[in-house]
Amino acid sequence: MSTLQIQISDEIQDRVSARAAEGGFKSVEEYVESLVAADAVIDDDLEQLLLERLDSDAPSIELTPEFIAQFKQRIALEVEARGQRL
C-alpha cells in the first residue's frame, strides 16, 4: 500500500472531518480513501456503460436526476461489495 500526503486549507479540512464523522468513518484518511475508490469504480462503470450503449439497439439513456440517483446507488452497492465504503 502506498502513502499519499496532501495539503489542504483549514476550511476544507474542517468540512472533510465533519463529513468523515457523519459517515461513520474511523478517520479522515479512511473517508478520503473511500472517495478515491468510489471515483475509480464510477469511472470504470460509466465507461463500460457508455461503451455497451454504443453498439446497442437499446433506447438512449436520458440523463435525469432519477438516473443519476440510481447510478450512484448502484455504484455504492458495488463499492461495498468490494469491501470498501462510499
PDB file of N, CA and C in Angstrom:
ATOM      1  N   MET A   1       0.848  -1.171   0.000  1.00  0.00           N
ATOM      2  CA  MET A   1       0.000   0.000   0.000  1.00  0.00           C
ATOM      3  C   MET A   1       0.892   1.232   0.000  1.00  0.00           C
ATOM      4  N   SER A   2       0.455   2.245  -0.730  1.00  0.00           N
ATOM      5  CA  SER A   2       1.212   3.487  -0.821  1.00  0.00           C
ATOM      6  C   SER A   2       0.645   4.546   0.108  1.00  0.00           C
ATOM      7  N   THR A   3       1.467   5.531   0.391  1.00  0.00           N
ATOM      8  CA  THR A   3       1.049   6.660   1.215  1.00  0.00           C
ATOM      9  C   THR A   3       1.019   7.902   0.349  1.00  0.00           C
ATOM     10  N   LEU A   4      -0.012   8.709   0.548  1.00  0.00           N
ATOM     11  CA  LEU A   4      -0.167   9.951  -0.183  1.00  0.00           C
ATOM     12  C   LEU A   4      -0.360  11.066   0.824  1.00  0.00           C
ATOM     13  N   GLN A   5       0.420  12.120   0.697  1.00  0.00           N
ATOM     14  CA  GLN A   5       0.282  13.265   1.594  1.00  0.00           C
ATOM     15  C   GLN A   5      -0.159  14.464   0.769  1.00  0.00           C
ATOM     16  N   ILE A   6      -1.165  15.175   1.280  1.00  0.00           N
ATOM     17  CA  ILE A   6      -1.646  16.372   0.589  1.00  0.00           C
ATOM     18  C   ILE A   6      -1.798  17.504   1.594  1.00  0.00           C
ATOM     19  N   GLN A   7      -1.765  18.709   1.084  1.00  0.00           N
ATOM     20  CA  GLN A   7      -2.015  19.875   1.920  1.00  0.00           C
ATOM     21  C   GLN A   7      -3.335  20.480   1.484  1.00  0.00           C
ATOM     22  N   ILE A   8      -4.191  20.760   2.466  1.00  0.00           N
ATOM     23  CA  ILE A   8      -5.475  21.379   2.179  1.00  0.00           C
ATOM     24  C   ILE A   8      -5.696  22.528   3.151  1.00  0.00           C
ATOM     25  N   SER A   9      -6.569  23.430   2.769  1.00  0.00           N
ATOM     26  CA  SER A   9      -6.850  24.581   3.628  1.00  0.00           C
ATOM     27  C   SER A   9      -7.561  24.126   4.908  1.00  0.00           C
ATOM     28  N   ASP A  10      -7.513  24.950   5.907  1.00  0.00           N
ATOM     29  CA  ASP A  10      -8.189  24.644   7.167  1.00  0.00           C
ATOM     30  C   ASP A  10      -9.689  24.493   6.949  1.00  0.00           C
ATOM     31  N   GLU A  11     -10.252  25.323   6.073  1.00  0.00           N
ATOM     32  CA  GLU A  11     -11.693  25.250   5.795  1.00  0.00           C
ATOM     33  C   GLU A  11     -12.077  23.895   5.215  1.00  0.00           C
ATOM     34  N   ILE A  12     -11.305  23.427   4.246  1.00  0.00           N
ATOM     35  CA  ILE A  12     -11.595  22.122   3.646  1.00  0.00           C
ATOM     36  C   ILE A  12     -11.358  21.016   4.661  1.00  0.00           C
ATOM     37  N   GLN A  13     -10.322  21.126   5.461  1.00  0.00           N
ATOM     38  CA  GLN A  13     -10.055  20.121   6.493  1.00  0.00           C
ATOM     39  C   GLN A  13     -11.243  19.999   7.440  1.00  0.00           C
ATOM     40  N   ASP A  14     -11.819  21.123   7.819  1.00  0.00           N
ATOM     41  CA  ASP A  14     -12.979  21.105   8.718  1.00  0.00           C
ATOM     42  C   ASP A  14     -14.163  20.401   8.056  1.00  0.00           C
ATOM     43  N   ARG A  15     -14.393  20.708   6.789  1.00  0.00           N
ATOM     44  CA  ARG A  15     -15.507  20.083   6.066  1.00  0.00           C
ATOM     45  C   ARG A  15     -15.297  18.583   5.894  1.00  0.00           C
ATOM     46  N   VAL A  16     -14.073  18.200   5.544  1.00  0.00           N
ATOM     47  CA  VAL A  16     -13.772  16.778   5.352  1.00  0.00           C
ATOM     48  C   VAL A  16     -13.895  16.027   6.685  1.00  0.00           C
ATOM     49  N   SER A  17     -13.414  16.620   7.742  1.00  0.00           N
ATOM     50  CA  SER A  17     -13.528  15.990   9.059  1.00  0.00           C
ATOM     51  C   SER A  17     -14.988  15.796   9.455  1.00  0.00           C
ATOM     52  N   ALA A  18     -15.802  16.805   9.187  1.00  0.00           N
ATOM     53  CA  ALA A  18     -17.224  16.708   9.514  1.00  0.00           C
ATOM     54  C   ALA A  18     -17.900  15.608   8.703  1.00  0.00           C
ATOM     55  N   ARG A  19     -17.598  15.542   7.428  1.00  0.00           N
ATOM     56  CA  ARG A  19     -18.216  14.504   6.581  1.00  0.00           C
ATOM     57  C   ARG A  19     -17.750  13.108   6.974  1.00  0.00           C
ATOM     58  N   ALA A  20     -16.493  12.974   7.330  1.00  0.00           N
ATOM     59  CA  ALA A  20     -15.989  11.681   7.773  1.00  0.00           C
ATOM     60  C   ALA A  20     -16.729  11.229   9.032  1.00  0.00           C
ATOM     61  N   ALA A  21     -16.915  12.151   9.961  1.00  0.00           N
ATOM     62  CA  ALA A  21     -17.623  11.823  11.205  1.00  0.00           C
ATOM     63  C   ALA A  21     -19.084  11.477  10.921  1.00  0.00           C
ATOM     64  N   GLU A  22     -19.731  12.258  10.065  1.00  0.00           N
ATOM     65  CA  GLU A  22     -21.132  11.999   9.707  1.00  0.00           C
ATOM     66  C   GLU A  22     -21.299  10.636   9.048  1.00  0.00           C
ATOM     67  N   GLY A  23     -20.301  10.237   8.273  1.00  0.00           N
ATOM     68  CA  GLY A  23     -20.365   8.968   7.559  1.00  0.00           C
ATOM     69  C   GLY A  23     -19.942   7.774   8.386  1.00  0.00           C
ATOM     70  N   GLY A  24     -19.522   8.024   9.624  1.00  0.00           N
ATOM     71  CA  GLY A  24     -19.121   6.920  10.498  1.00  0.00           C
ATOM     72  C   GLY A  24     -17.743   6.357  10.208  1.00  0.00           C
ATOM     73  N   PHE A  25     -16.918   7.139   9.545  1.00  0.00           N
ATOM     74  CA  PHE A  25     -15.557   6.680   9.251  1.00  0.00           C
ATOM     75  C   PHE A  25     -14.685   6.835  10.488  1.00  0.00           C
ATOM     76  N   LYS A  26     -13.699   5.949  10.622  1.00  0.00           N
ATOM     77  CA  LYS A  26     -12.795   5.991  11.771  1.00  0.00           C
ATOM     78  C   LYS A  26     -11.841   7.177  11.702  1.00  0.00           C
ATOM     79  N   SER A  27     -11.567   7.629  10.479  1.00  0.00           N
ATOM     80  CA  SER A  27     -10.608   8.718  10.304  1.00  0.00           C
ATOM     81  C   SER A  27     -10.889   9.448   8.998  1.00  0.00           C
ATOM     82  N   VAL A  28     -10.292  10.614   8.882  1.00  0.00           N
ATOM     83  CA  VAL A  28     -10.379  11.367   7.630  1.00  0.00           C
ATOM     84  C   VAL A  28      -9.706  10.569   6.515  1.00  0.00           C
ATOM     85  N   GLU A  29      -8.612   9.920   6.832  1.00  0.00           N
ATOM     86  CA  GLU A  29      -7.891   9.136   5.830  1.00  0.00           C
ATOM     87  C   GLU A  29      -8.778   8.026   5.253  1.00  0.00           C
ATOM     88  N   GLU A  30      -9.524   7.348   6.125  1.00  0.00           N
ATOM     89  CA  GLU A  30     -10.423   6.286   5.673  1.00  0.00           C
ATOM     90  C   GLU A  30     -11.512   6.860   4.758  1.00  0.00           C
ATOM     91  N   TYR A  31     -12.026   8.014   5.117  1.00  0.00           N
ATOM     92  CA  TYR A  31     -13.050   8.675   4.310  1.00  0.00           C
ATOM     93  C   TYR A  31     -12.503   9.048   2.932  1.00  0.00           C
ATOM     94  N   VAL A  32     -11.338   9.663   2.891  1.00  0.00           N
ATOM     95  CA  VAL A  32     -10.748  10.082   1.612  1.00  0.00           C
ATOM     96  C   VAL A  32     -10.418   8.853   0.761  1.00  0.00           C
ATOM     97  N   GLU A  33      -9.926   7.804   1.385  1.00  0.00           N
ATOM     98  CA  GLU A  33      -9.642   6.571   0.642  1.00  0.00           C
ATOM     99  C   GLU A  33     -10.915   6.030  -0.005  1.00  0.00           C
ATOM    100  N   SER A  34     -12.041   6.080   0.698  1.00  0.00           N
ATOM    101  CA  SER A  34     -13.299   5.595   0.131  1.00  0.00           C
ATOM    102  C   SER A  34     -13.745   6.465  -1.042  1.00  0.00           C
ATOM    103  N   LEU A  35     -13.499   7.768  -0.968  1.00  0.00           N
ATOM    104  CA  LEU A  35     -13.846   8.654  -2.080  1.00  0.00           C
ATOM    105  C   LEU A  35     -13.037   8.328  -3.326  1.00  0.00           C
ATOM    106  N   VAL A  36     -11.751   8.091  -3.143  1.00  0.00           N
ATOM    107  CA  VAL A  36     -10.879   7.772  -4.277  1.00  0.00           C
ATOM    108  C   VAL A  36     -11.286   6.425  -4.887  1.00  0.00           C
ATOM    109  N   ALA A  37     -11.586   5.444  -4.038  1.00  0.00           N
ATOM    110  CA  ALA A  37     -12.019   4.135  -4.536  1.00  0.00           C
ATOM    111  C   ALA A  37     -13.333   4.251  -5.297  1.00  0.00           C
ATOM    112  N   ALA A  38     -14.260   5.008  -4.768  1.00  0.00           N
ATOM    113  CA  ALA A  38     -15.553   5.191  -5.441  1.00  0.00           C
ATOM    114  C   ALA A  38     -15.375   5.887  -6.778  1.00  0.00           C
ATOM    115  N   ASP A  39     -14.501   6.851  -6.837  1.00  0.00           N
ATOM    116  CA  ASP A  39     -14.244   7.564  -8.085  1.00  0.00           C
ATOM    117  C   ASP A  39     -13.735   6.611  -9.153  1.00  0.00           C
ATOM    118  N   ALA A  40     -12.851   5.707  -8.774  1.00  0.00           N
ATOM    119  CA  ALA A  40     -12.315   4.739  -9.731  1.00  0.00           C
ATOM    120  C   ALA A  40     -13.416   3.814 -10.229  1.00  0.00           C
ATOM    121  N   VAL A  41     -14.288   3.371  -9.337  1.00  0.00           N
ATOM    122  CA  VAL A  41     -15.387   2.495  -9.729  1.00  0.00           C
ATOM    123  C   VAL A  41     -16.353   3.228 -10.648  1.00  0.00           C
ATOM    124  N   ILE A  42     -16.666   4.463 -10.311  1.00  0.00           N
ATOM    125  CA  ILE A  42     -17.587   5.247 -11.141  1.00  0.00           C
ATOM    126  C   ILE A  42     -17.021   5.408 -12.542  1.00  0.00           C
ATOM    127  N   ASP A  43     -15.740   5.747 -12.651  1.00  0.00           N
ATOM    128  CA  ASP A  43     -15.118   5.901 -13.968  1.00  0.00           C
ATOM    129  C   ASP A  43     -15.216   4.607 -14.769  1.00  0.00           C
ATOM    130  N   ASP A  44     -14.865   3.485 -14.137  1.00  0.00           N
ATOM    131  CA  ASP A  44     -14.893   2.195 -14.828  1.00  0.00           C
ATOM    132  C   ASP A  44     -16.305   1.827 -15.258  1.00  0.00           C
ATOM    133  N   ASP A  45     -17.262   1.971 -14.342  1.00  0.00           N
ATOM    134  CA  ASP A  45     -18.642   1.584 -14.648  1.00  0.00           C
ATOM    135  C   ASP A  45     -19.273   2.495 -15.693  1.00  0.00           C
ATOM    136  N   LEU A  46     -19.032   3.774 -15.591  1.00  0.00           N
ATOM    137  CA  LEU A  46     -19.611   4.701 -16.554  1.00  0.00           C
ATOM    138  C   LEU A  46     -19.019   4.466 -17.938  1.00  0.00           C
ATOM    139  N   GLU A  47     -17.724   4.255 -17.999  1.00  0.00           N
ATOM    140  CA  GLU A  47     -17.099   3.978 -19.289  1.00  0.00           C
ATOM    141  C   GLU A  47     -17.666   2.700 -19.891  1.00  0.00           C
ATOM    142  N   GLN A  48     -17.806   1.660 -19.087  1.00  0.00           N
ATOM    143  CA  GLN A  48     -18.365   0.393 -19.576  1.00  0.00           C
ATOM    144  C   GLN A  48     -19.794   0.576 -20.068  1.00  0.00           C
ATOM    145  N   LEU A  49     -20.598   1.300 -19.307  1.00  0.00           N
ATOM    146  CA  LEU A  49     -21.979   1.557 -19.696  1.00  0.00           C
ATOM    147  C   LEU A  49     -22.044   2.290 -21.040  1.00  0.00           C
ATOM    148  N   LEU A  50     -21.222   3.297 -21.188  1.00  0.00           N
ATOM    149  CA  LEU A  50     -21.227   4.070 -22.434  1.00  0.00           C
ATOM    150  C   LEU A  50     -20.754   3.231 -23.625  1.00  0.00           C
ATOM    151  N   LEU A  51     -19.719   2.420 -23.416  1.00  0.00           N
ATOM    152  CA  LEU A  51     -19.230   1.568 -24.498  1.00  0.00           C
ATOM    153  C   LEU A  51     -20.269   0.537 -24.918  1.00  0.00           C
ATOM    154  N   GLU A  52     -20.970  -0.044 -23.937  1.00  0.00           N
ATOM    155  CA  GLU A  52     -22.015  -1.015 -24.247  1.00  0.00           C
ATOM    156  C   GLU A  52     -23.136  -0.362 -25.053  1.00  0.00           C
ATOM    157  N   ARG A  53     -23.468   0.860 -24.727  1.00  0.00           N
ATOM    158  CA  ARG A  53     -24.568   1.555 -25.405  1.00  0.00           C
ATOM    159  C   ARG A  53     -24.212   1.959 -26.825  1.00  0.00           C
ATOM    160  N   LEU A  54     -22.913   2.121 -27.119  1.00  0.00           N
ATOM    161  CA  LEU A  54     -22.518   2.486 -28.484  1.00  0.00           C
ATOM    162  C   LEU A  54     -22.940   1.428 -29.494  1.00  0.00           C
ATOM    163  N   ASP A  55     -22.820   0.164 -29.107  1.00  0.00           N
ATOM    164  CA  ASP A  55     -23.116  -0.941 -30.017  1.00  0.00           C
ATOM    165  C   ASP A  55     -24.477  -1.567 -29.756  1.00  0.00           C
ATOM    166  N   SER A  56     -25.339  -0.881 -29.054  1.00  0.00           N
ATOM    167  CA  SER A  56     -26.620  -1.449 -28.645  1.00  0.00           C
ATOM    168  C   SER A  56     -27.778  -0.820 -29.400  1.00  0.00           C
ATOM    169  N   ASP A  57     -28.801  -1.615 -29.571  1.00  0.00           N
ATOM    170  CA  ASP A  57     -30.036  -1.102 -30.156  1.00  0.00           C
ATOM    171  C   ASP A  57     -30.987  -0.599 -29.067  1.00  0.00           C
ATOM    172  N   ALA A  58     -30.551  -0.656 -27.830  1.00  0.00           N
ATOM    173  CA  ALA A  58     -31.392  -0.204 -26.716  1.00  0.00           C
ATOM    174  C   ALA A  58     -31.641   1.290 -26.848  1.00  0.00           C
ATOM    175  N   PRO A  59     -32.754   1.739 -26.294  1.00  0.00           N
ATOM    176  CA  PRO A  59     -33.035   3.182 -26.368  1.00  0.00           C
ATOM    177  C   PRO A  59     -31.962   3.988 -25.643  1.00  0.00           C
ATOM    178  N   SER A  60     -31.828   5.221 -26.045  1.00  0.00           N
ATOM    179  CA  SER A  60     -30.821   6.075 -25.410  1.00  0.00           C
ATOM    180  C   SER A  60     -31.177   6.314 -23.943  1.00  0.00           C
ATOM    181  N   ILE A  61     -30.193   6.727 -23.194  1.00  0.00           N
ATOM    182  CA  ILE A  61     -30.374   6.998 -21.767  1.00  0.00           C
ATOM    183  C   ILE A  61     -30.570   8.495 -21.597  1.00  0.00           C
ATOM    184  N   GLU A  62     -31.638   8.855 -20.939  1.00  0.00           N
ATOM    185  CA  GLU A  62     -31.863  10.262 -20.629  1.00  0.00           C
ATOM    186  C   GLU A  62     -31.229  10.544 -19.277  1.00  0.00           C
ATOM    187  N   LEU A  63     -30.348  11.505 -19.244  1.00  0.00           N
ATOM    188  CA  LEU A  63     -29.618  11.831 -18.025  1.00  0.00           C
ATOM    189  C   LEU A  63     -30.501  12.704 -17.128  1.00  0.00           C
ATOM    190  N   THR A  64     -31.304  12.036 -16.325  1.00  0.00           N
ATOM    191  CA  THR A  64     -32.232  12.713 -15.427  1.00  0.00           C
ATOM    192  C   THR A  64     -31.721  12.607 -13.994  1.00  0.00           C
ATOM    193  N   PRO A  65     -32.252  13.395 -13.078  1.00  0.00           N
ATOM    194  CA  PRO A  65     -31.873  13.247 -11.673  1.00  0.00           C
ATOM    195  C   PRO A  65     -32.146  11.830 -11.148  1.00  0.00           C
ATOM    196  N   GLU A  66     -33.204  11.206 -11.633  1.00  0.00           N
ATOM    197  CA  GLU A  66     -33.525   9.847 -11.209  1.00  0.00           C
ATOM    198  C   GLU A  66     -32.464   8.855 -11.688  1.00  0.00           C
ATOM    199  N   PHE A  67     -32.032   9.009 -12.944  1.00  0.00           N
ATOM    200  CA  PHE A  67     -30.989   8.124 -13.467  1.00  0.00           C
ATOM    201  C   PHE A  67     -29.708   8.279 -12.661  1.00  0.00           C
ATOM    202  N   ILE A  68     -29.331   9.510 -12.376  1.00  0.00           N
ATOM    203  CA  ILE A  68     -28.107   9.764 -11.610  1.00  0.00           C
ATOM    204  C   ILE A  68     -28.208   9.149 -10.223  1.00  0.00           C
ATOM    205  N   ALA A  69     -29.349   9.289  -9.564  1.00  0.00           N
ATOM    206  CA  ALA A  69     -29.542   8.711  -8.231  1.00  0.00           C
ATOM    207  C   ALA A  69     -29.427   7.180  -8.279  1.00  0.00           C
ATOM    208  N   GLN A  70     -30.046   6.567  -9.281  1.00  0.00           N
ATOM    209  CA  GLN A  70     -29.966   5.114  -9.418  1.00  0.00           C
ATOM    210  C   GLN A  70     -28.537   4.662  -9.709  1.00  0.00           C
ATOM    211  N   PHE A  71     -27.842   5.417 -10.552  1.00  0.00           N
ATOM    212  CA  PHE A  71     -26.461   5.074 -10.879  1.00  0.00           C
ATOM    213  C   PHE A  71     -25.582   5.173  -9.636  1.00  0.00           C
ATOM    214  N   LYS A  72     -25.764   6.230  -8.850  1.00  0.00           N
ATOM    215  CA  LYS A  72     -24.986   6.377  -7.617  1.00  0.00           C
ATOM    216  C   LYS A  72     -25.275   5.240  -6.643  1.00  0.00           C
ATOM    217  N   GLN A  73     -26.523   4.821  -6.571  1.00  0.00           N
ATOM    218  CA  GLN A  73     -26.877   3.715  -5.676  1.00  0.00           C
ATOM    219  C   GLN A  73     -26.202   2.427  -6.139  1.00  0.00           C
ATOM    220  N   ARG A  74     -26.213   2.191  -7.443  1.00  0.00           N
ATOM    221  CA  ARG A  74     -25.550   1.002  -7.989  1.00  0.00           C
ATOM    222  C   ARG A  74     -24.050   1.013  -7.674  1.00  0.00           C
ATOM    223  N   ILE A  75     -23.426   2.178  -7.809  1.00  0.00           N
ATOM    224  CA  ILE A  75     -22.001   2.305  -7.515  1.00  0.00           C
ATOM    225  C   ILE A  75     -21.738   2.050  -6.041  1.00  0.00           C
ATOM    226  N   ALA A  76     -22.577   2.617  -5.172  1.00  0.00           N
ATOM    227  CA  ALA A  76     -22.399   2.413  -3.729  1.00  0.00           C
ATOM    228  C   ALA A  76     -22.470   0.931  -3.379  1.00  0.00           C
ATOM    229  N   LEU A  77     -23.406   0.212  -3.982  1.00  0.00           N
ATOM    230  CA  LEU A  77     -23.530  -1.226  -3.717  1.00  0.00           C
ATOM    231  C   LEU A  77     -22.293  -1.978  -4.214  1.00  0.00           C
ATOM    232  N   GLU A  78     -21.793  -1.595  -5.368  1.00  0.00           N
ATOM    233  CA  GLU A  78     -20.607  -2.266  -5.905  1.00  0.00           C
ATOM    234  C   GLU A  78     -19.371  -1.994  -5.049  1.00  0.00           C
ATOM    235  N   VAL A  79     -19.213  -0.766  -4.609  1.00  0.00           N
ATOM    236  CA  VAL A  79     -18.074  -0.413  -3.755  1.00  0.00           C
ATOM    237  C   VAL A  79     -18.144  -1.211  -2.455  1.00  0.00           C
ATOM    238  N   GLU A  80     -19.332  -1.291  -1.865  1.00  0.00           N
ATOM    239  CA  GLU A  80     -19.494  -2.059  -0.634  1.00  0.00           C
ATOM    240  C   GLU A  80     -19.208  -3.536  -0.865  1.00  0.00           C
ATOM    241  N   ALA A  81     -19.618  -4.075  -2.016  1.00  0.00           N
ATOM    242  CA  ALA A  81     -19.371  -5.474  -2.324  1.00  0.00           C
ATOM    243  C   ALA A  81     -17.878  -5.763  -2.440  1.00  0.00           C
ATOM    244  N   ARG A  82     -17.116  -4.766  -2.822  1.00  0.00           N
ATOM    245  CA  ARG A  82     -15.661  -4.923  -2.917  1.00  0.00           C
ATOM    246  C   ARG A  82     -14.977  -4.757  -1.569  1.00  0.00           C
ATOM    247  N   GLY A  83     -15.782  -4.526  -0.533  1.00  0.00           N
ATOM    248  CA  GLY A  83     -15.215  -4.395   0.807  1.00  0.00           C
ATOM    249  C   GLY A  83     -14.756  -3.004   1.155  1.00  0.00           C
ATOM    250  N   GLN A  84     -15.202  -2.045   0.404  1.00  0.00           N
ATOM    251  CA  GLN A  84     -14.842  -0.652   0.655  1.00  0.00           C
ATOM    252  C   GLN A  84     -16.081   0.080   1.080  1.00  0.00           C
ATOM    253  N   ARG A  85     -15.931   1.300   1.481  1.00  0.00           N
ATOM    254  CA  ARG A  85     -17.081   2.121   1.852  1.00  0.00           C
ATOM    255  C   ARG A  85     -17.146   3.313   0.941  1.00  0.00           C
ATOM    256  N   LEU A  86     -18.329   3.834   0.792  1.00  0.00           N
ATOM    257  CA  LEU A  86     -18.533   5.021  -0.039  1.00  0.00           C
ATOM    258  C   LEU A  86     -18.888   6.189   0.829  1.00  0.00           C
TER     259      LEU A  86
END
